[in-house]
Amino acid sequence: MLVIYNAILVDRNISQKGYIVCDKDKILSVHKNDGEKPDAAELKTDNAATKDDITYYDAHGLTLMPAFIDMHAHFRYPGQPQKEDLDSGLAAAKNGGFGTLVLMPNTNPVISSYEDAMSVINQARARKMSNIFQTASITKNFEDRDTSHILNLNPKEIPVITEDGHDVLSADIMLDGMKKAASKNIIVSCHCEDPDLAVCARGYRQKALALMKEYKIPAWGVIPSDIKVPQNILDEITENLSKANELLEKAEDTFTERNIKLAHDADCRIHICHVSTKGAIESVQHAKQKGWKCTCEVTPHHIALTGEKIPEILALVNPPLRTQSDHDAVIAALRDATIDTISTDHAPHTADDKAAGAPGFTGSETAFAVCNTVLVKQEGFSLNRLSELMSANAAEILGLKKGLLQPEYDADFVLVDPDENWIVNAKNFASKGKANPFEGKTLTGRVKKIFVAGREI
């Protein structure tokens, strides 16, 4: 029996000093007190505890929350060990407080089959770290044709399929895949982006990247102090990236609307990845108002940053960092519960790949701090609401008995100091990917410990 005491207990519903009692991998009971250590007599239940049966953990006044659940992460496994692997990805998840993660299938080779997905899941289970779900692709090998493999998936093991990294071009093929997913009660998670518009945007990005490479400007939103760039060059880079971002805004808006309508026609559960535009948010709002089976997520970097000016516009990611108007819509949608979850889209790259314009950032190890800094400290959200966004809602979407501090729920916890200030230094990341737009910034809130299935990992 594990007893974590002298903690501030926070989930979606509670915020109180107290202690929590766990029996093996489940929460047995939750108690309110002033922080004192309970004795064995207080803990006796039907699972009668003796003094020797009890392991006490003093939280020293830290905040105990349900471990975070990330519905969107890239571990680059198998096939891209230079970017990330299972061990480094799980270590980064531990540092970030994530007890459960949903991994994307854009690996090498693409994960499409039940057998390949289970291979990754079983290898992760053997490491006894965080829990993972490995998604499978919507179309076999991302070839935009064959969806027959969906019928072989077990939704208990593989509850989500996705074509993340891009979208399914053919509406007919997407509808077919969604119908198969609906028949299996599998969620279709959509990276909503019109591929044709994305190709047009790529040309503008390449022009900007050529100048960035010439002047040794990194592609993650930071210009080192020792690099001097003429203003006319910065203006040209900004112009090209702005044109790319305008096209990518249209790409997200049009395919968000398309995919939501297709999912409704298929009676399929749809989850919109990394929503970032006002238009896409409105599409989700309309779907929810109609009672359609639609959920969505937002990333920490879209919560914290806009991408209209130097240096933030240099931080290349898909979807790109958006305008202030889009950012305002994101914050409003977090307030009114249009947005269901915060997911990292943890996307590690090598320095060379990032310099060449590979989109995405390392995100697991800064996610809580970024969201706590922006939403709780600056925007006035409660820590309860942040817990809901980072734990409870994702658990409900995935059908897990996680995300709340309640009896019979899984004993997955994170201990955090919501008031600790720290400076981001990617050299200290467990992830192999070091590129992130928060490098050198001071954030508030730090993960201290994580427990999964009642064990500190």
Protein backbone atom coordinates (compact mmCIF):
# COMPACT_ATOMS: atom_id res chain seq x y z
CA MET A 1 0.00 0.00 0.00
CA LEU A 2 1.31 3.44 -1.00
CA VAL A 3 0.33 6.55 0.97
CA ILE A 4 1.28 9.96 -0.46
CA TYR A 5 0.71 12.57 2.23
CA ASN A 6 1.45 16.21 2.97
CA ALA A 7 0.24 17.10 -0.52
CA ILE A 8 -2.16 19.56 -2.10
CA LEU A 9 -4.56 17.35 -4.03
CA VAL A 10 -5.77 18.85 -7.30
CA ASP A 11 -7.79 17.39 -10.13
CA ARG A 12 -10.75 18.64 -12.17
CA ASN A 13 -13.00 18.62 -9.11
CA ILE A 14 -10.94 19.06 -5.95
CA SER A 15 -8.28 21.32 -4.50
CA GLN A 16 -7.40 20.46 -0.91
CA LYS A 17 -4.60 19.49 1.43
CA GLY A 18 -4.57 15.81 2.22
CA TYR A 19 -3.33 12.37 1.39
CA ILE A 20 -4.10 9.59 -1.04
CA VAL A 21 -4.00 5.84 -0.43
CA CYS A 22 -3.21 3.37 -3.22
CA ASP A 23 -3.54 -0.39 -3.28
CA LYS A 24 -1.27 -1.76 -6.00
CA ASP A 25 -2.14 0.15 -9.18
CA LYS A 26 -5.44 1.67 -8.05
CA ILE A 27 -6.51 4.54 -5.83
CA LEU A 28 -8.07 3.12 -2.70
CA SER A 29 -9.14 6.34 -0.96
CA VAL A 30 -8.64 10.12 -0.92
CA HIS A 31 -8.54 12.09 2.33
CA LYS A 32 -8.54 15.70 3.44
CA ASN A 33 -6.30 16.76 6.32
CA ASP A 34 -3.76 19.43 7.23
CA GLY A 35 -0.76 17.53 5.89
CA GLU A 36 0.02 15.22 8.79
CA LYS A 37 1.13 11.64 8.21
CA PRO A 38 -1.75 9.18 8.81
CA ASP A 39 -1.01 6.20 11.02
CA ALA A 40 -1.76 2.59 10.17
CA ALA A 41 -4.94 2.56 12.25
CA GLU A 42 -6.45 5.28 10.05
CA LEU A 43 -5.73 3.25 6.95
CA LYS A 44 -7.39 0.00 7.94
CA THR A 45 -10.05 -1.03 5.45
CA ASP A 46 -11.24 -4.29 3.98
CA ASN A 47 -7.70 -4.44 2.54
CA ALA A 48 -6.42 -4.48 6.13
CA ALA A 49 -3.10 -2.67 6.32
CA THR A 50 -0.39 -3.31 8.86
CA LYS A 51 2.50 -0.97 9.50
CA ASP A 52 4.83 -3.17 7.47
CA ASP A 53 2.47 -3.15 4.47
CA ILE A 54 2.55 0.64 4.09
CA THR A 55 4.99 2.72 2.05
CA TYR A 56 4.77 6.39 2.96
CA TYR A 57 5.79 9.18 0.61
CA ASP A 58 6.06 12.72 2.00
CA ALA A 59 5.10 15.18 -0.76
CA HIS A 60 6.54 18.09 1.26
CA GLY A 61 3.66 20.35 0.34
CA LEU A 62 3.88 19.81 -3.41
CA THR A 63 0.77 19.59 -5.57
CA LEU A 64 -0.38 16.07 -6.45
CA MET A 65 -2.34 15.85 -9.70
CA PRO A 66 -3.40 13.02 -12.00
CA ALA A 67 -0.55 12.21 -14.36
CA PHE A 68 -0.91 14.03 -17.66
CA ILE A 69 -2.23 12.30 -20.78
CA ASP A 70 -0.84 13.30 -24.17
CA MET A 71 -3.04 12.42 -27.12
CA HIS A 72 -0.41 13.44 -29.66
CA ALA A 73 3.30 12.61 -29.46
CA HIS A 74 6.02 11.43 -31.82
CA PHE A 75 8.65 9.01 -30.51
CA ARG A 76 10.05 8.40 -34.03
CA TYR A 77 10.06 4.68 -33.29
CA PRO A 78 10.78 2.59 -35.20
CA GLY A 79 13.22 3.83 -37.78
CA GLN A 80 14.43 7.30 -36.74
CA PRO A 81 16.74 6.76 -33.74
CA GLN A 82 18.72 9.89 -34.57
CA LYS A 83 15.59 11.92 -33.65
CA GLU A 84 14.12 9.84 -30.80
CA ASP A 85 13.61 6.27 -29.65
CA LEU A 86 11.46 4.52 -27.07
CA ASP A 87 13.92 5.05 -24.24
CA SER A 88 14.53 8.74 -24.85
CA GLY A 89 10.85 9.38 -25.58
CA LEU A 90 9.75 7.65 -22.38
CA ALA A 91 12.41 9.52 -20.39
CA ALA A 92 11.12 12.81 -21.79
CA ALA A 93 7.56 11.78 -20.90
CA LYS A 94 8.67 11.04 -17.35
CA ASN A 95 10.30 14.46 -17.05
CA GLY A 96 7.14 16.08 -18.37
CA GLY A 97 4.76 14.23 -16.03
CA PHE A 98 2.99 12.21 -18.75
CA GLY A 99 1.69 8.86 -17.56
CA THR A 100 -0.05 7.98 -20.83
CA LEU A 101 0.78 8.97 -24.41
CA VAL A 102 -0.76 8.35 -27.83
CA LEU A 103 2.04 7.90 -30.38
CA MET A 104 1.79 8.85 -34.04
CA PRO A 105 2.41 6.31 -36.83
CA ASN A 106 4.58 8.42 -39.18
CA THR A 107 7.58 6.24 -38.47
CA ASN A 108 9.87 4.24 -40.73
CA PRO A 109 8.16 2.07 -41.79
CA VAL A 110 4.72 3.61 -41.30
CA ILE A 111 2.75 1.71 -38.66
CA SER A 112 -0.41 0.41 -40.27
CA SER A 113 -0.94 -3.12 -39.00
CA TYR A 114 -2.18 -4.39 -35.66
CA GLU A 115 0.97 -6.48 -35.30
CA ASP A 116 3.35 -3.56 -35.83
CA ALA A 117 1.42 -1.35 -33.41
CA MET A 118 1.37 -4.05 -30.73
CA SER A 119 5.10 -4.59 -31.15
CA VAL A 120 5.74 -0.99 -30.10
CA ILE A 121 3.19 -1.18 -27.27
CA ASN A 122 4.69 -4.38 -25.87
CA GLN A 123 8.24 -3.02 -26.04
CA ALA A 124 7.11 0.04 -24.10
CA ARG A 125 5.28 -2.10 -21.52
CA ALA A 126 8.46 -4.09 -20.91
CA ARG A 127 10.22 -0.88 -19.87
CA LYS A 128 7.65 -0.26 -17.07
CA MET A 129 7.57 3.47 -17.64
CA SER A 130 4.62 5.50 -18.95
CA ASN A 131 1.71 3.82 -20.73
CA ILE A 132 1.48 4.22 -24.48
CA PHE A 133 -1.07 3.67 -27.20
CA GLN A 134 0.46 3.27 -30.63
CA THR A 135 -1.84 4.57 -33.35
CA ALA A 136 -2.12 3.00 -36.78
CA SER A 137 -2.44 4.89 -40.04
CA ILE A 138 -5.79 5.56 -41.73
CA THR A 139 -4.50 4.39 -45.11
CA LYS A 140 -1.99 1.60 -45.43
CA ASN A 141 1.55 3.01 -45.51
CA PHE A 142 0.11 6.53 -45.94
CA GLU A 143 -0.57 5.66 -49.60
CA ASP A 144 -4.05 7.24 -49.67
CA ARG A 145 -5.67 4.11 -51.05
CA ASP A 146 -6.20 1.03 -48.87
CA THR A 147 -8.05 1.18 -45.52
CA SER A 148 -8.73 -2.56 -45.11
CA HIS A 149 -6.26 -2.95 -42.23
CA ILE A 150 -8.55 -0.89 -39.96
CA LEU A 151 -10.90 -3.87 -39.63
CA ASN A 152 -8.08 -5.92 -38.08
CA LEU A 153 -7.43 -3.44 -35.25
CA ASN A 154 -8.46 -4.05 -31.64
CA PRO A 155 -9.95 -0.79 -30.29
CA LYS A 156 -9.00 -1.69 -26.71
CA GLU A 157 -5.34 -1.71 -27.68
CA ILE A 158 -5.45 0.75 -30.58
CA PRO A 159 -8.27 3.22 -29.90
CA VAL A 160 -7.01 5.86 -32.36
CA ILE A 161 -5.99 5.93 -36.02
CA THR A 162 -4.46 8.89 -37.80
CA GLU A 163 -2.58 10.04 -40.86
CA ASP A 164 -0.74 12.62 -38.76
CA GLY A 165 1.94 14.63 -40.48
CA HIS A 166 -0.46 15.24 -43.35
CA ASP A 167 -4.07 14.50 -44.25
CA VAL A 168 -5.87 12.01 -46.46
CA LEU A 169 -6.31 13.79 -49.79
CA SER A 170 -9.24 11.78 -51.14
CA ALA A 171 -12.56 12.51 -49.44
CA ASP A 172 -13.87 9.16 -50.70
CA ILE A 173 -10.99 7.26 -49.10
CA MET A 174 -11.30 9.24 -45.87
CA LEU A 175 -15.03 8.51 -45.68
CA ASP A 176 -14.35 4.82 -46.25
CA GLY A 177 -11.74 4.78 -43.49
CA MET A 178 -14.06 6.61 -41.13
CA LYS A 179 -16.88 4.14 -41.75
CA LYS A 180 -14.54 1.26 -40.93
CA ALA A 181 -13.34 3.09 -37.80
CA ALA A 182 -16.94 3.71 -36.72
CA SER A 183 -17.71 0.01 -37.04
CA LYS A 184 -14.86 -0.70 -34.60
CA ASN A 185 -15.51 2.31 -32.30
CA ILE A 186 -12.07 3.69 -33.14
CA ILE A 187 -11.37 7.43 -33.02
CA VAL A 188 -10.10 9.08 -36.18
CA SER A 189 -7.58 11.75 -35.22
CA CYS A 190 -7.15 14.26 -38.04
CA HIS A 191 -4.23 16.48 -39.02
CA CYS A 192 -6.48 18.83 -40.95
CA GLU A 193 -4.58 20.31 -43.85
CA ASP A 194 -5.43 20.53 -47.54
CA PRO A 195 -2.41 18.83 -49.17
CA ASP A 196 -2.61 20.94 -52.34
CA LEU A 197 -2.52 24.21 -50.40
CA ALA A 198 0.29 22.81 -48.26
CA VAL A 199 2.35 22.25 -51.41
CA CYS A 200 1.81 25.86 -52.43
CA ALA A 201 2.86 27.04 -48.97
CA ARG A 202 6.01 24.93 -49.10
CA GLY A 203 7.42 27.04 -51.91
CA TYR A 204 7.29 30.19 -49.78
CA ARG A 205 8.80 28.37 -46.84
CA GLN A 206 11.66 27.13 -48.98
CA LYS A 207 12.46 30.68 -50.08
CA ALA A 208 12.57 31.78 -46.45
CA LEU A 209 14.63 28.76 -45.42
CA ALA A 210 17.22 29.47 -48.09
CA LEU A 211 17.81 32.91 -46.58
CA MET A 212 17.74 31.53 -43.04
CA LYS A 213 20.36 28.95 -43.96
CA GLU A 214 22.53 31.59 -45.62
CA TYR A 215 22.50 33.74 -42.47
CA LYS A 216 22.63 30.75 -40.07
CA ILE A 217 19.24 31.54 -38.51
CA PRO A 218 17.77 28.50 -36.72
CA ALA A 219 14.20 27.42 -37.45
CA TRP A 220 12.84 27.35 -33.92
CA GLY A 221 12.11 30.97 -33.16
CA VAL A 222 15.42 32.18 -31.77
CA ILE A 223 18.09 34.40 -33.35
CA PRO A 224 21.39 33.94 -31.46
CA SER A 225 22.89 37.22 -30.27
CA ASP A 226 26.08 36.68 -32.28
CA ILE A 227 24.19 36.52 -35.61
CA LYS A 228 23.68 39.83 -37.42
CA VAL A 229 21.08 39.85 -40.17
CA PRO A 230 20.28 42.87 -42.39
CA GLN A 231 16.76 44.20 -41.88
CA ASN A 232 15.86 43.79 -45.55
CA ILE A 233 16.66 40.06 -45.26
CA LEU A 234 14.51 39.72 -42.15
CA ASP A 235 11.71 41.53 -43.98
CA GLU A 236 11.99 39.15 -46.94
CA ILE A 237 11.95 36.11 -44.66
CA THR A 238 8.91 37.46 -42.84
CA GLU A 239 7.06 38.17 -46.09
CA ASN A 240 7.61 34.64 -47.42
CA LEU A 241 6.67 32.94 -44.16
CA SER A 242 3.57 35.14 -43.86
CA LYS A 243 2.42 34.08 -47.33
CA ALA A 244 3.02 30.44 -46.42
CA ASN A 245 1.07 30.84 -43.19
CA GLU A 246 -1.89 32.45 -44.97
CA LEU A 247 -2.14 29.44 -47.26
CA LEU A 248 -1.76 27.03 -44.35
CA GLU A 249 -4.58 28.81 -42.52
CA LYS A 250 -6.87 28.13 -45.47
CA ALA A 251 -5.56 24.57 -45.62
CA GLU A 252 -6.50 23.95 -41.98
CA ASP A 253 -9.88 25.64 -42.19
CA THR A 254 -11.07 23.84 -45.32
CA PHE A 255 -10.04 20.35 -44.26
CA THR A 256 -11.27 20.76 -40.68
CA GLU A 257 -14.70 21.49 -42.07
CA ARG A 258 -14.43 18.64 -44.60
CA ASN A 259 -13.29 16.06 -42.07
CA ILE A 260 -15.93 16.96 -39.49
CA LYS A 261 -18.69 16.59 -42.10
CA LEU A 262 -17.27 13.29 -43.35
CA ALA A 263 -17.06 11.96 -39.80
CA HIS A 264 -20.68 12.89 -39.19
CA ASP A 265 -21.73 11.12 -42.37
CA ALA A 266 -19.78 8.05 -41.23
CA ASP A 267 -21.14 8.28 -37.65
CA CYS A 268 -17.50 8.28 -36.60
CA ARG A 269 -15.78 9.80 -33.56
CA ILE A 270 -13.36 12.47 -34.79
CA HIS A 271 -10.60 14.19 -32.87
CA ILE A 272 -9.11 17.30 -34.47
CA CYS A 273 -5.36 17.53 -33.92
CA HIS A 274 -3.59 20.76 -32.94
CA VAL A 275 -6.43 23.15 -33.78
CA SER A 276 -4.92 26.60 -34.32
CA THR A 277 -7.17 28.90 -36.36
CA LYS A 278 -10.31 30.83 -35.53
CA GLY A 279 -12.04 29.21 -38.50
CA ALA A 280 -11.17 25.66 -37.41
CA ILE A 281 -12.35 26.40 -33.87
CA GLU A 282 -15.65 27.68 -35.23
CA SER A 283 -16.10 24.47 -37.21
CA VAL A 284 -15.59 22.45 -34.01
CA GLN A 285 -18.00 24.71 -32.11
CA HIS A 286 -20.70 24.22 -34.73
CA ALA A 287 -20.22 20.45 -34.67
CA LYS A 288 -20.52 20.34 -30.89
CA GLN A 289 -23.61 22.54 -30.94
CA LYS A 290 -25.20 19.98 -33.25
CA GLY A 291 -24.25 17.13 -30.93
CA TRP A 292 -21.79 15.57 -33.36
CA LYS A 293 -19.02 13.25 -32.12
CA CYS A 294 -16.22 15.78 -32.30
CA THR A 295 -13.37 16.60 -29.92
CA CYS A 296 -10.20 18.62 -30.41
CA GLU A 297 -6.83 19.48 -28.92
CA VAL A 298 -4.46 22.43 -28.85
CA THR A 299 -0.69 22.46 -28.32
CA PRO A 300 1.25 24.38 -25.65
CA HIS A 301 3.09 26.35 -28.35
CA HIS A 302 -0.16 27.54 -29.92
CA ILE A 303 -1.37 28.50 -26.43
CA ALA A 304 1.78 30.51 -25.68
CA LEU A 305 2.98 31.99 -28.97
CA THR A 306 1.91 33.89 -32.06
CA GLY A 307 3.80 33.82 -35.33
CA GLU A 308 3.44 37.19 -37.03
CA LYS A 309 6.78 38.79 -36.25
CA ILE A 310 10.48 38.04 -35.85
CA PRO A 311 11.63 35.92 -34.05
CA GLU A 312 8.49 33.80 -33.43
CA ILE A 313 7.61 33.57 -37.11
CA LEU A 314 10.91 31.73 -37.59
CA ALA A 315 9.67 28.85 -35.42
CA LEU A 316 8.62 26.39 -38.11
CA VAL A 317 5.88 23.99 -37.14
CA ASN A 318 2.73 22.51 -38.71
CA PRO A 319 0.29 24.05 -38.20
CA PRO A 320 2.32 27.25 -37.98
CA LEU A 321 2.17 29.69 -35.12
CA ARG A 322 -0.83 31.87 -35.89
CA THR A 323 -2.03 35.46 -35.72
CA GLN A 324 -3.08 37.28 -32.56
CA SER A 325 -6.72 36.90 -33.64
CA ASP A 326 -6.29 33.14 -33.92
CA HIS A 327 -4.49 33.05 -30.58
CA ASP A 328 -7.32 34.96 -28.92
CA ALA A 329 -9.77 32.41 -30.34
CA VAL A 330 -7.68 29.56 -28.88
CA ILE A 331 -7.73 31.08 -25.39
CA ALA A 332 -11.47 31.76 -25.63
CA ALA A 333 -12.09 28.17 -26.78
CA LEU A 334 -10.11 26.87 -23.80
CA ARG A 335 -12.32 28.99 -21.53
CA ASP A 336 -15.63 27.86 -23.01
CA ALA A 337 -14.62 24.17 -23.33
CA THR A 338 -14.71 24.06 -27.12
CA ILE A 339 -11.15 22.73 -26.85
CA ASP A 340 -11.09 19.43 -24.95
CA THR A 341 -7.44 18.64 -24.39
CA ILE A 342 -3.93 20.01 -24.44
CA SER A 343 -1.59 17.72 -26.40
CA THR A 344 2.10 18.36 -26.95
CA ASP A 345 2.65 17.26 -30.56
CA HIS A 346 6.12 16.41 -29.22
CA ALA A 347 8.11 16.26 -32.47
CA PRO A 348 11.86 15.87 -31.94
CA HIS A 349 14.28 16.53 -34.80
CA THR A 350 18.01 16.54 -35.26
CA ALA A 351 19.68 19.94 -35.51
CA ASP A 352 20.39 19.33 -39.20
CA ASP A 353 16.80 18.36 -40.00
CA LYS A 354 15.49 21.37 -38.14
CA ALA A 355 17.89 23.66 -39.98
CA ALA A 356 16.56 22.19 -43.22
CA GLY A 357 13.04 23.20 -42.22
CA ALA A 358 11.61 20.07 -40.57
CA PRO A 359 8.44 21.28 -38.81
CA GLY A 360 7.89 20.67 -35.12
CA PHE A 361 9.38 21.08 -31.66
CA THR A 362 10.35 19.01 -28.70
CA GLY A 363 7.50 19.55 -26.24
CA SER A 364 7.03 16.92 -23.53
CA GLU A 365 9.39 18.44 -20.98
CA THR A 366 8.05 22.00 -21.14
CA ALA A 367 4.32 21.36 -21.64
CA PHE A 368 3.09 21.71 -18.06
CA ALA A 369 5.27 24.73 -17.35
CA VAL A 370 4.21 26.53 -20.55
CA CYS A 371 0.51 25.93 -19.90
CA ASN A 372 0.76 26.76 -16.20
CA THR A 373 2.66 29.96 -17.00
CA VAL A 374 0.25 31.17 -19.68
CA LEU A 375 -3.11 29.81 -18.62
CA VAL A 376 -2.91 29.78 -14.83
CA LYS A 377 -0.47 32.57 -14.02
CA GLN A 378 -1.34 34.97 -16.85
CA GLU A 379 -4.87 34.14 -18.01
CA GLY A 380 -6.39 33.31 -14.63
CA PHE A 381 -7.38 29.69 -15.30
CA SER A 382 -7.62 27.48 -12.22
CA LEU A 383 -5.23 24.59 -11.73
CA ASN A 384 -8.37 22.43 -11.70
CA ARG A 385 -9.14 23.51 -15.25
CA LEU A 386 -5.56 22.83 -16.35
CA SER A 387 -5.79 19.35 -14.85
CA GLU A 388 -9.01 18.77 -16.77
CA LEU A 389 -7.33 19.84 -20.01
CA MET A 390 -4.16 17.81 -19.45
CA SER A 391 -5.65 14.69 -17.82
CA ALA A 392 -9.38 14.14 -17.25
CA ASN A 393 -10.76 15.00 -20.67
CA ALA A 394 -8.22 12.92 -22.57
CA ALA A 395 -8.93 9.98 -20.26
CA GLU A 396 -12.64 10.26 -21.01
CA ILE A 397 -12.04 10.46 -24.76
CA LEU A 398 -9.86 7.35 -24.62
CA GLY A 399 -12.18 5.51 -22.25
CA LEU A 400 -9.60 5.23 -19.46
CA LYS A 401 -10.14 5.10 -15.69
CA LYS A 402 -7.52 7.80 -15.28
CA GLY A 403 -7.31 11.55 -14.92
CA LEU A 404 -9.10 12.00 -11.57
CA LEU A 405 -8.14 11.54 -7.92
CA GLN A 406 -10.98 9.17 -7.08
CA PRO A 407 -11.23 5.66 -5.63
CA GLU A 408 -10.90 2.86 -8.20
CA TYR A 409 -9.09 5.14 -10.67
CA ASP A 410 -5.58 4.25 -11.82
CA ALA A 411 -2.81 5.37 -9.48
CA ASP A 412 -1.05 7.57 -12.03
CA PHE A 413 0.10 10.82 -10.42
CA VAL A 414 2.41 13.73 -10.94
CA LEU A 415 3.90 15.90 -8.21
CA VAL A 416 4.43 19.49 -9.31
CA ASP A 417 5.51 22.79 -7.85
CA PRO A 418 3.19 25.23 -9.65
CA ASP A 419 5.15 28.24 -8.40
CA GLU A 420 8.77 27.28 -9.17
CA ASN A 421 10.47 29.45 -11.79
CA TRP A 422 13.05 27.87 -14.06
CA ILE A 423 14.90 28.70 -17.28
CA VAL A 424 14.50 26.33 -20.23
CA ASN A 425 17.80 24.77 -21.26
CA ALA A 426 17.44 22.05 -23.86
CA LYS A 427 20.81 20.58 -22.91
CA ASN A 428 19.01 19.17 -19.87
CA PHE A 429 16.25 17.49 -21.90
CA ALA A 430 16.03 13.70 -21.90
CA SER A 431 14.63 13.92 -25.42
CA LYS A 432 17.14 13.70 -28.24
CA GLY A 433 15.40 16.66 -29.86
CA LYS A 434 16.62 19.98 -28.53
CA ALA A 435 14.84 22.47 -30.83
CA ASN A 436 12.13 24.34 -28.97
CA PRO A 437 10.79 27.91 -29.08
CA PHE A 438 11.06 28.39 -25.30
CA GLU A 439 14.84 28.07 -25.06
CA GLY A 440 16.22 30.56 -22.56
CA LYS A 441 12.77 31.63 -21.38
CA THR A 442 11.68 31.63 -17.74
CA LEU A 443 8.65 29.43 -17.08
CA THR A 444 6.67 28.87 -13.90
CA GLY A 445 5.71 25.38 -12.73
CA ARG A 446 7.88 22.32 -12.58
CA VAL A 447 7.29 18.57 -12.57
CA LYS A 448 9.05 16.91 -9.63
CA LYS A 449 7.97 13.26 -9.59
CA ILE A 450 5.69 10.91 -11.48
CA PHE A 451 3.98 7.72 -10.35
CA VAL A 452 2.53 5.21 -12.80
CA ALA A 453 0.42 2.28 -11.60
CA GLY A 454 1.31 3.20 -8.03
CA ARG A 455 5.07 3.13 -8.65
CA GLU A 456 7.48 6.03 -8.81
CA ILE A 457 9.24 5.86 -12.17
